[in-house]
Amino acid sequence: MAEKQGSSYIVRKVTVKTGLENDLYVEIMGKGVKEGLRVINNPKDLTEGQEVNLG
């Protein structure tokens, strides 16, 4: 996940469970999931706390 801080985002590790899904959307839930977080689909080259620009 990425949490907005100023004009950029900070990478945060959040454990999630998936719920309902279709071709376009996947429901996620878990402790720490809140409105305003952005999901990072492929975080393999990122580390927690790293600043990223999601433009």
Protein backbone atom coordinates (compact mmCIF):
# COMPACT_ATOMS: atom_id res chain seq x y z
CA MET A 1 0.00 0.00 0.00
CA ALA A 2 1.03 3.59 -0.35
CA GLU A 3 -0.05 6.29 2.06
CA LYS A 4 -0.21 9.92 0.89
CA GLN A 5 2.18 12.30 2.60
CA GLY A 6 2.37 15.74 1.07
CA SER A 7 2.71 15.50 -2.70
CA SER A 8 4.09 11.92 -2.71
CA TYR A 9 3.32 8.54 -1.17
CA ILE A 10 5.13 6.37 1.38
CA VAL A 11 5.20 2.57 0.93
CA ARG A 12 3.55 0.70 3.83
CA LYS A 13 3.29 -3.06 4.30
CA VAL A 14 -0.28 -4.12 5.12
CA THR A 15 -1.49 -7.73 5.35
CA VAL A 16 -4.82 -8.11 3.57
CA LYS A 17 -7.45 -10.73 2.81
CA THR A 18 -9.32 -10.73 -0.46
CA GLY A 19 -13.08 -10.89 -0.73
CA LEU A 20 -15.37 -10.48 -3.70
CA GLU A 21 -13.74 -9.97 -7.07
CA ASN A 22 -14.55 -9.64 -10.76
CA ASP A 23 -12.57 -8.85 -13.91
CA LEU A 24 -11.84 -5.29 -12.76
CA TYR A 25 -12.01 -5.15 -8.96
CA VAL A 26 -10.86 -7.10 -5.91
CA GLU A 27 -12.22 -6.37 -2.45
CA ILE A 28 -9.48 -6.20 0.18
CA MET A 29 -9.86 -6.04 3.94
CA GLY A 30 -7.65 -6.23 6.98
CA LYS A 31 -6.24 -4.34 9.90
CA GLY A 32 -4.64 -1.15 8.64
CA VAL A 33 -6.73 -0.93 5.47
CA LYS A 34 -8.35 2.47 5.35
CA GLU A 35 -9.75 4.93 2.87
CA GLY A 36 -7.13 6.87 0.94
CA LEU A 37 -4.51 4.11 0.72
CA ARG A 38 -3.34 3.16 -2.75
CA VAL A 39 -2.69 -0.49 -3.62
CA ILE A 40 0.67 -1.29 -5.21
CA ASN A 41 0.23 -4.30 -7.48
CA ASN A 42 3.90 -5.17 -8.01
CA PRO A 43 5.95 -3.99 -4.99
CA LYS A 44 8.92 -6.35 -5.48
CA ASP A 45 11.46 -3.53 -6.01
CA LEU A 46 10.08 -1.32 -3.21
CA THR A 47 10.83 -1.25 0.51
CA GLU A 48 8.61 -0.16 3.37
CA GLY A 49 9.06 3.53 4.16
CA GLN A 50 10.29 4.33 0.64
CA GLU A 51 8.87 7.48 -0.95
CA VAL A 52 7.21 6.89 -4.33
CA ASN A 53 5.54 9.15 -6.88
CA LEU A 54 2.31 7.61 -8.15
CA GLY A 55 1.45 10.63 -10.33
